[in-house]
Amino acid sequence: MKGIITVVGKDRVGIIAKVCTYLAEDGINILDISQTIVSGWFNMMMVVDLSTCCHRFEEVVDQLSKLGNEIGVDIRLQREDIFNSMHRI
């Protein structure tokens, strides 16, 4: 299963490292990644493969949200099909 992770917040050192470390430790592969910083605001979007993940989808959603709170950013994970449906024109 594929998912879309978004990370948004005030830019600071270590955001990418902490998110990517969590993903690697949980067996989640990054398929595509884009990140920008605009006027001090950090924005990252990732397409990830959850097929070898160590936890249930809902647990990963909760763990990423908690990680975001710890590092001062908003981290969200959505299933790719739901993300696509929400952003279809």
C-alpha atoms as a PDB file:
ATOM      1  CA  MET A   1       0.000   0.000   0.000  1.00  0.00           C
ATOM      2  CA  LYS A   2       1.198   3.526  -0.808  1.00  0.00           C
ATOM      3  CA  GLY A   3       0.727   6.577   1.371  1.00  0.00           C
ATOM      4  CA  ILE A   4       1.248  10.310   1.170  1.00  0.00           C
ATOM      5  CA  ILE A   5       3.050  12.043   4.030  1.00  0.00           C
ATOM      6  CA  THR A   6       2.939  15.822   4.380  1.00  0.00           C
ATOM      7  CA  VAL A   7       5.113  17.772   6.798  1.00  0.00           C
ATOM      8  CA  VAL A   8       4.484  21.488   7.373  1.00  0.00           C
ATOM      9  CA  GLY A   9       5.880  23.899   9.946  1.00  0.00           C
ATOM     10  CA  LYS A  10       8.429  26.529  10.820  1.00  0.00           C
ATOM     11  CA  ASP A  11      11.800  25.496   9.398  1.00  0.00           C
ATOM     12  CA  ARG A  12      14.410  24.174  11.798  1.00  0.00           C
ATOM     13  CA  VAL A  13      17.391  21.838  11.746  1.00  0.00           C
ATOM     14  CA  GLY A  14      16.701  18.099  11.729  1.00  0.00           C
ATOM     15  CA  ILE A  15      13.135  17.825  10.411  1.00  0.00           C
ATOM     16  CA  ILE A  16      14.028  15.648   7.425  1.00  0.00           C
ATOM     17  CA  ALA A  17      16.472  13.566   9.463  1.00  0.00           C
ATOM     18  CA  LYS A  18      13.941  12.779  12.196  1.00  0.00           C
ATOM     19  CA  VAL A  19      11.119  11.920   9.798  1.00  0.00           C
ATOM     20  CA  CYS A  20      13.340   9.771   7.575  1.00  0.00           C
ATOM     21  CA  THR A  21      14.881   7.997  10.589  1.00  0.00           C
ATOM     22  CA  TYR A  22      11.407   7.070  11.845  1.00  0.00           C
ATOM     23  CA  LEU A  23      10.395   5.777   8.399  1.00  0.00           C
ATOM     24  CA  ALA A  24      13.563   3.698   7.999  1.00  0.00           C
ATOM     25  CA  GLU A  25      13.237   2.170  11.466  1.00  0.00           C
ATOM     26  CA  ASP A  26       9.617   1.205  10.731  1.00  0.00           C
ATOM     27  CA  GLY A  27      10.406  -0.392   7.351  1.00  0.00           C
ATOM     28  CA  ILE A  28       8.695   2.329   5.303  1.00  0.00           C
ATOM     29  CA  ASN A  29      10.347   3.040   1.943  1.00  0.00           C
ATOM     30  CA  ILE A  30      10.357   6.537   0.449  1.00  0.00           C
ATOM     31  CA  LEU A  31       9.402   6.351  -3.235  1.00  0.00           C
ATOM     32  CA  ASP A  32       9.385  10.075  -3.985  1.00  0.00           C
ATOM     33  CA  ILE A  33      10.083  13.212  -1.989  1.00  0.00           C
ATOM     34  CA  SER A  34       9.789  16.952  -2.497  1.00  0.00           C
ATOM     35  CA  GLN A  35      10.599  19.689  -0.011  1.00  0.00           C
ATOM     36  CA  THR A  36      10.639  23.450  -0.088  1.00  0.00           C
ATOM     37  CA  ILE A  37      11.202  26.294   2.315  1.00  0.00           C
ATOM     38  CA  VAL A  38       9.249  29.486   1.710  1.00  0.00           C
ATOM     39  CA  SER A  39       9.794  32.524   3.957  1.00  0.00           C
ATOM     40  CA  GLY A  40      10.998  30.281   6.778  1.00  0.00           C
ATOM     41  CA  TRP A  41       8.179  27.729   6.425  1.00  0.00           C
ATOM     42  CA  PHE A  42       9.119  24.111   5.724  1.00  0.00           C
ATOM     43  CA  ASN A  43       6.931  21.973   3.456  1.00  0.00           C
ATOM     44  CA  MET A  44       7.665  18.364   2.521  1.00  0.00           C
ATOM     45  CA  MET A  45       5.601  15.803   0.647  1.00  0.00           C
ATOM     46  CA  MET A  46       6.542  12.137   0.352  1.00  0.00           C
ATOM     47  CA  VAL A  47       5.102   9.162  -1.461  1.00  0.00           C
ATOM     48  CA  VAL A  48       5.884   6.098   0.648  1.00  0.00           C
ATOM     49  CA  ASP A  49       5.512   2.331   0.359  1.00  0.00           C
ATOM     50  CA  LEU A  50       3.944   0.869   3.503  1.00  0.00           C
ATOM     51  CA  SER A  51       3.936  -2.770   2.337  1.00  0.00           C
ATOM     52  CA  THR A  52       6.885  -3.731   4.580  1.00  0.00           C
ATOM     53  CA  CYS A  53       5.897  -1.511   7.496  1.00  0.00           C
ATOM     54  CA  CYS A  54       6.188  -2.949  11.014  1.00  0.00           C
ATOM     55  CA  HIS A  55       2.936  -1.379  12.324  1.00  0.00           C
ATOM     56  CA  ARG A  56      -0.704  -1.021  11.328  1.00  0.00           C
ATOM     57  CA  PHE A  57      -1.549   2.068   9.243  1.00  0.00           C
ATOM     58  CA  GLU A  58      -3.453   3.748  12.102  1.00  0.00           C
ATOM     59  CA  GLU A  59      -0.479   3.282  14.445  1.00  0.00           C
ATOM     60  CA  VAL A  60       1.859   4.914  11.933  1.00  0.00           C
ATOM     61  CA  VAL A  61      -0.560   7.859  11.578  1.00  0.00           C
ATOM     62  CA  ASP A  62      -0.518   8.315  15.372  1.00  0.00           C
ATOM     63  CA  GLN A  63       3.249   7.879  15.688  1.00  0.00           C
ATOM     64  CA  LEU A  64       3.961  10.412  12.924  1.00  0.00           C
ATOM     65  CA  SER A  65       1.565  12.898  14.506  1.00  0.00           C
ATOM     66  CA  LYS A  66       3.323  12.460  17.851  1.00  0.00           C
ATOM     67  CA  LEU A  67       6.731  12.892  16.201  1.00  0.00           C
ATOM     68  CA  GLY A  68       5.468  16.080  14.568  1.00  0.00           C
ATOM     69  CA  ASN A  69       4.385  17.448  17.944  1.00  0.00           C
ATOM     70  CA  GLU A  70       7.817  16.635  19.380  1.00  0.00           C
ATOM     71  CA  ILE A  71       9.688  18.494  16.620  1.00  0.00           C
ATOM     72  CA  GLY A  72       7.210  21.338  16.147  1.00  0.00           C
ATOM     73  CA  VAL A  73       5.672  20.485  12.762  1.00  0.00           C
ATOM     74  CA  ASP A  74       2.412  18.995  11.492  1.00  0.00           C
ATOM     75  CA  ILE A  75       2.907  15.505  10.025  1.00  0.00           C
ATOM     76  CA  ARG A  76       0.020  13.745   8.307  1.00  0.00           C
ATOM     77  CA  LEU A  77      -0.204  10.391   6.559  1.00  0.00           C
ATOM     78  CA  GLN A  78      -3.013   9.486   4.182  1.00  0.00           C
ATOM     79  CA  ARG A  79      -3.616   6.471   2.006  1.00  0.00           C
ATOM     80  CA  GLU A  80      -2.681   7.324  -1.582  1.00  0.00           C
ATOM     81  CA  ASP A  81      -6.133   6.489  -2.980  1.00  0.00           C
ATOM     82  CA  ILE A  82      -7.881   8.755  -0.463  1.00  0.00           C
ATOM     83  CA  PHE A  83      -5.370  11.549  -1.079  1.00  0.00           C
ATOM     84  CA  ASN A  84      -5.961  11.264  -4.839  1.00  0.00           C
ATOM     85  CA  SER A  85      -9.749  11.336  -4.367  1.00  0.00           C
ATOM     86  CA  MET A  86      -9.548  14.441  -2.180  1.00  0.00           C
ATOM     87  CA  HIS A  87      -7.365  16.318  -4.691  1.00  0.00           C
ATOM     88  CA  ARG A  88      -9.112  15.342  -7.907  1.00  0.00           C
ATOM     89  CA  ILE A  89     -10.426  18.287  -9.916  1.00  0.00           C
END
